[in-house]
């Protein structure tokens, strides 16, 4: 599941916490973006997953991490202004 939201004149993407890391990686590549917002069951922001999160997880856990949900590797502390 992905959704688009306009933020400061730019389209931001959001994904469900249950999306696999592989699917999120494909989404980042297809859209040419570096990160997506992760939303919980009620649509609230619960984190963000970035290219850096994915690379760190791959380095630490290997290719098997591609099959886990993004909620396991996302950055949970999201600061907004």
Protein backbone atom coordinates (compact mmCIF):
# COMPACT_ATOMS: atom_id res chain seq x y z
CA UNK A 1 0.00 0.00 0.00
CA UNK A 2 1.34 3.40 -0.91
CA UNK A 3 -0.22 6.79 -0.68
CA UNK A 4 0.77 10.17 -1.99
CA UNK A 5 0.58 13.33 0.05
CA UNK A 6 1.66 16.78 -1.05
CA UNK A 7 4.25 18.21 1.33
CA UNK A 8 5.75 21.64 0.63
CA UNK A 9 4.82 21.32 -3.04
CA UNK A 10 6.36 17.85 -3.40
CA UNK A 11 4.67 14.45 -3.52
CA UNK A 12 5.62 12.34 -0.47
CA UNK A 13 5.08 8.59 -0.42
CA UNK A 14 3.86 6.53 2.51
CA UNK A 15 3.88 2.75 2.94
CA UNK A 16 2.28 0.34 5.37
CA UNK A 17 4.49 -0.96 8.18
CA UNK A 18 3.91 -4.48 6.86
CA UNK A 19 5.45 -3.78 3.42
CA UNK A 20 8.55 -5.88 2.85
CA UNK A 21 11.95 -4.27 2.59
CA UNK A 22 12.21 -5.67 -0.96
CA UNK A 23 8.96 -3.98 -2.00
CA UNK A 24 10.02 -0.70 -0.39
CA UNK A 25 13.36 -0.89 -2.21
CA UNK A 26 11.55 -1.34 -5.52
CA UNK A 27 9.30 1.62 -4.72
CA UNK A 28 12.27 3.86 -3.89
CA UNK A 29 13.97 2.86 -7.13
CA UNK A 30 10.87 3.24 -9.31
CA UNK A 31 10.02 6.67 -7.95
CA UNK A 32 13.61 7.89 -7.78
CA UNK A 33 13.30 8.82 -4.10
CA UNK A 34 15.47 8.18 -1.06
CA UNK A 35 12.93 7.55 1.69
CA UNK A 36 9.28 6.85 2.43
CA UNK A 37 7.11 7.53 5.44
CA UNK A 38 5.89 4.41 7.27
CA UNK A 39 2.32 4.45 8.56
CA UNK A 40 0.56 2.31 11.15
CA UNK A 41 -2.88 0.76 10.99
CA UNK A 42 -4.64 4.06 11.63
CA UNK A 43 -2.66 5.90 8.97
CA UNK A 44 -0.49 7.73 11.50
CA UNK A 45 3.22 8.18 10.86
CA UNK A 46 5.21 5.66 12.89
CA UNK A 47 8.56 5.97 11.17
CA UNK A 48 10.53 6.49 8.00
CA UNK A 49 12.58 4.04 5.96
CA UNK A 50 15.45 5.37 3.91
CA UNK A 51 18.09 4.01 1.58
CA UNK A 52 20.51 4.26 4.51
CA UNK A 53 18.24 2.13 6.73
CA UNK A 54 18.13 -0.52 4.00
CA UNK A 55 21.90 -0.53 3.41
CA UNK A 56 22.61 -0.74 7.16
CA UNK A 57 20.17 -3.65 7.53
CA UNK A 58 21.64 -5.48 4.53
CA UNK A 59 25.13 -5.08 5.95
CA UNK A 60 24.10 -6.34 9.37
CA UNK A 61 21.62 -9.07 8.42
CA UNK A 62 22.31 -10.01 4.81
CA UNK A 63 19.87 -10.49 1.96
CA UNK A 64 17.32 -12.21 4.22
CA UNK A 65 16.35 -8.75 5.47
CA UNK A 66 14.61 -8.14 2.15
CA UNK A 67 11.78 -10.43 3.29
CA UNK A 68 11.04 -8.67 6.60
CA UNK A 69 8.57 -5.81 7.08
CA UNK A 70 9.94 -2.27 6.92
CA UNK A 71 8.78 -1.77 10.50
CA UNK A 72 11.76 -3.90 11.61
CA UNK A 73 14.39 -1.63 10.05
CA UNK A 74 12.77 1.82 9.90
CA UNK A 75 13.90 4.87 11.83
CA UNK A 76 11.26 5.35 14.52
CA UNK A 77 12.17 8.81 15.72
CA UNK A 78 10.69 11.15 13.13
CA UNK A 79 11.08 14.88 13.74
CA UNK A 80 8.78 17.22 11.88
CA UNK A 81 8.40 20.96 11.88
